[in-house]
Amino acid sequence: MLGYYVYRATVIDGTDAQMVSPLIQSTNSSQQQTYVFEDTELFESGLYYYWLQANDLDGSFSFHGPVSVLYGSSGDQPTPDIPLITQLNSAYPNPFNPTVFIPFSLAEAGAVSFKIYNNRGQMVKQFDLGVKTAGQHRISWDGTGYNGKTLANGVYTIMMTTQNKAYQSKAVLLK
């Protein structure tokens, strides 16, 4: 590695990104290294995006990022809102017996349902949650089917459906 440059922009697509660091020399060591850059050229409060340009000795380079920073010029650093995305997170514990927790998040309020399928593609359980608020949520499943009986050991597919998209993960029931 030759070294690194840091770029800053005020929009996430990087169209106005400017190089804000000198070349940060790489040590080219087999030991783990820590590199630090402090942006001392900010004077206005706002949300800034940063990219790291990694430069190889052969002249090639690659970009990494962006990372966002909320800067307050008056010294008070407000806690930024965590941007929410709609996603189905990994079930835990996995493998499970007898209960598994299924965490998910919603970027906006909307109807949510879950369907659980066995390894033959048969639906064994369904949860219609109705309309849920934006934010972090979690449901639990006790490994039983529609009839209330514990299902067999195996891999189960968890499908979460929102208003306009479906998400999938897997959980292993192990007795």
Protein backbone atom coordinates (compact mmCIF):
# COMPACT_ATOMS: atom_id res chain seq x y z
CA MET A 1 0.00 0.00 0.00
CA LEU A 2 1.10 3.51 -0.79
CA GLY A 3 -1.34 5.13 1.63
CA TYR A 4 -4.75 6.69 2.08
CA TYR A 5 -6.67 9.87 1.34
CA VAL A 6 -9.83 11.01 3.11
CA TYR A 7 -12.66 12.66 1.15
CA ARG A 8 -15.58 14.66 2.57
CA ALA A 9 -18.95 15.63 1.08
CA THR A 10 -22.28 17.02 2.23
CA VAL A 11 -24.35 14.59 0.15
CA ILE A 12 -24.27 10.82 0.37
CA ASP A 13 -23.71 10.23 -3.34
CA GLY A 14 -20.34 11.98 -3.09
CA THR A 15 -20.87 14.29 -6.05
CA ASP A 16 -19.20 17.20 -4.23
CA ALA A 17 -16.59 15.11 -2.38
CA GLN A 18 -13.29 16.88 -1.80
CA MET A 19 -9.97 15.47 -0.67
CA VAL A 20 -9.46 16.78 2.87
CA SER A 21 -6.31 14.96 3.94
CA PRO A 22 -2.73 14.77 2.79
CA LEU A 23 -1.47 11.31 1.87
CA ILE A 24 -1.59 9.17 5.01
CA GLN A 25 1.46 6.94 4.50
CA SER A 26 0.99 3.20 4.86
CA THR A 27 3.49 1.39 7.09
CA ASN A 28 3.29 -1.85 5.05
CA SER A 29 3.76 -3.99 8.12
CA SER A 30 2.38 -7.41 8.89
CA GLN A 31 1.31 -6.03 12.27
CA GLN A 32 -2.08 -4.39 12.75
CA GLN A 33 -1.85 -0.62 12.31
CA THR A 34 -4.11 2.24 13.35
CA TYR A 35 -4.37 5.36 11.25
CA VAL A 36 -6.00 8.56 12.51
CA PHE A 37 -7.28 11.60 10.65
CA GLU A 38 -8.88 14.62 12.31
CA ASP A 39 -10.86 16.98 10.09
CA THR A 40 -10.05 20.44 11.46
CA GLU A 41 -11.56 22.33 8.53
CA LEU A 42 -15.24 22.10 9.55
CA PHE A 43 -16.83 25.39 10.57
CA GLU A 44 -20.54 24.85 9.90
CA SER A 45 -22.85 22.44 11.72
CA GLY A 46 -24.28 19.70 9.58
CA LEU A 47 -24.16 16.13 8.38
CA TYR A 48 -20.97 15.19 6.56
CA TYR A 49 -20.00 12.03 4.67
CA TYR A 50 -16.47 10.64 4.52
CA TRP A 51 -14.79 8.16 2.17
CA LEU A 52 -11.39 6.51 2.40
CA GLN A 53 -9.36 6.13 -0.78
CA ALA A 54 -6.86 3.26 -0.50
CA ASN A 55 -3.93 3.68 -2.91
CA ASP A 56 -1.78 0.75 -4.02
CA LEU A 57 1.86 1.02 -5.07
CA ASP A 58 0.90 0.08 -8.65
CA GLY A 59 -1.26 3.21 -8.99
CA SER A 60 -4.62 1.50 -8.53
CA PHE A 61 -7.02 2.65 -5.83
CA SER A 62 -10.35 1.83 -4.26
CA PHE A 63 -12.91 3.76 -2.23
CA HIS A 64 -14.51 2.67 1.04
CA GLY A 65 -17.48 4.33 2.73
CA PRO A 66 -19.28 6.53 3.23
CA VAL A 67 -19.32 7.04 6.97
CA SER A 68 -21.59 9.82 8.22
CA VAL A 69 -20.72 12.31 10.96
CA LEU A 70 -23.12 14.82 12.53
CA TYR A 71 -21.04 17.85 13.44
CA GLY A 72 -22.12 20.69 15.75
CA SER A 73 -19.91 23.78 15.44
CA SER A 74 -20.99 25.10 18.85
CA GLY A 75 -19.45 22.09 20.56
CA ASP A 76 -22.74 20.47 21.53
CA GLN A 77 -22.97 17.16 19.78
CA PRO A 78 -26.62 16.18 19.44
CA THR A 79 -27.41 12.50 19.38
CA PRO A 80 -28.23 11.67 15.77
CA ASP A 81 -31.30 9.67 14.87
CA ILE A 82 -30.46 6.12 13.92
CA PRO A 83 -31.76 5.61 10.40
CA LEU A 84 -34.26 2.78 10.32
CA ILE A 85 -34.40 0.22 7.58
CA THR A 86 -36.87 -2.57 7.03
CA GLN A 87 -35.15 -5.88 7.58
CA LEU A 88 -35.48 -9.32 9.09
CA ASN A 89 -32.58 -9.95 11.46
CA SER A 90 -31.06 -13.33 12.35
CA ALA A 91 -33.16 -15.50 14.64
CA TYR A 92 -31.62 -16.36 18.00
CA PRO A 93 -30.68 -18.64 19.59
CA ASN A 94 -29.99 -20.67 16.50
CA PRO A 95 -30.26 -23.65 16.76
CA PHE A 96 -33.16 -23.31 19.20
CA ASN A 97 -35.13 -25.48 21.62
CA PRO A 98 -37.86 -24.77 22.46
CA THR A 99 -38.17 -21.02 21.72
CA VAL A 100 -36.60 -18.82 19.07
CA PHE A 101 -36.72 -15.01 18.93
CA ILE A 102 -37.17 -13.35 15.55
CA PRO A 103 -36.09 -9.68 15.55
CA PHE A 104 -37.04 -7.30 12.78
CA SER A 105 -37.13 -3.58 12.10
CA LEU A 106 -39.44 -1.38 10.08
CA ALA A 107 -38.48 1.90 8.43
CA GLU A 108 -42.11 2.98 8.48
CA ALA A 109 -45.34 1.75 10.01
CA GLY A 110 -47.10 -0.99 8.11
CA ALA A 111 -48.69 -4.42 8.11
CA VAL A 112 -46.37 -7.33 8.90
CA SER A 113 -46.87 -11.08 8.73
CA PHE A 114 -44.65 -14.10 9.23
CA LYS A 115 -44.92 -17.53 7.67
CA ILE A 116 -42.76 -20.45 8.73
CA TYR A 117 -42.04 -23.31 6.32
CA ASN A 118 -40.49 -26.73 6.89
CA ASN A 119 -37.77 -28.13 4.61
CA ARG A 120 -40.43 -29.56 2.25
CA GLY A 121 -41.87 -26.11 1.62
CA GLN A 122 -45.01 -26.69 3.69
CA MET A 123 -46.25 -23.76 5.77
CA VAL A 124 -46.33 -24.92 9.41
CA LYS A 125 -47.12 -21.67 11.25
CA GLN A 126 -48.31 -18.14 10.50
CA PHE A 127 -48.27 -14.93 12.51
CA ASP A 128 -50.35 -11.97 11.30
CA LEU A 129 -49.13 -9.02 13.36
CA GLY A 130 -51.31 -6.35 11.78
CA VAL A 131 -49.92 -2.83 11.55
CA LYS A 132 -46.71 -2.26 13.50
CA THR A 133 -45.02 1.08 14.15
CA ALA A 134 -41.64 2.04 12.70
CA GLY A 135 -38.78 0.77 14.85
CA GLN A 136 -37.31 -2.39 16.32
CA HIS A 137 -39.58 -5.36 17.06
CA ARG A 138 -39.33 -9.02 17.98
CA ILE A 139 -41.62 -12.03 17.96
CA SER A 140 -41.06 -15.46 19.45
CA TRP A 141 -41.95 -18.88 18.16
CA ASP A 142 -42.13 -21.96 20.36
CA GLY A 143 -41.39 -24.50 17.62
CA THR A 144 -44.98 -25.70 17.36
CA GLY A 145 -47.18 -26.06 14.30
CA TYR A 146 -50.81 -25.06 13.78
CA ASN A 147 -52.01 -27.94 15.97
CA GLY A 148 -49.89 -26.83 18.94
CA LYS A 149 -47.61 -29.87 18.78
CA THR A 150 -43.84 -29.50 18.73
CA LEU A 151 -42.43 -29.89 15.23
CA ALA A 152 -39.63 -32.23 14.20
CA ASN A 153 -35.94 -31.33 14.23
CA GLY A 154 -34.90 -29.52 11.10
CA VAL A 155 -34.26 -26.29 9.26
CA TYR A 156 -37.22 -23.92 9.08
CA THR A 157 -37.53 -20.97 6.71
CA ILE A 158 -38.93 -17.78 8.22
CA MET A 159 -40.61 -15.42 5.74
CA MET A 160 -41.50 -11.88 6.79
CA THR A 161 -43.83 -9.97 4.49
CA THR A 162 -44.41 -6.22 4.68
CA GLN A 163 -46.60 -4.06 2.51
CA ASN A 164 -44.31 -4.28 -0.49
CA LYS A 165 -41.47 -6.72 0.15
CA ALA A 166 -40.63 -10.17 1.52
CA TYR A 167 -37.63 -11.11 3.68
CA GLN A 168 -36.27 -14.56 4.53
CA SER A 169 -34.08 -16.20 7.15
CA LYS A 170 -33.61 -19.68 8.58
CA ALA A 171 -33.69 -21.26 12.03
CA VAL A 172 -32.81 -24.78 13.15
CA LEU A 173 -35.04 -26.61 15.64
CA LEU A 174 -32.88 -29.08 17.56
CA LYS A 175 -34.32 -31.13 20.43
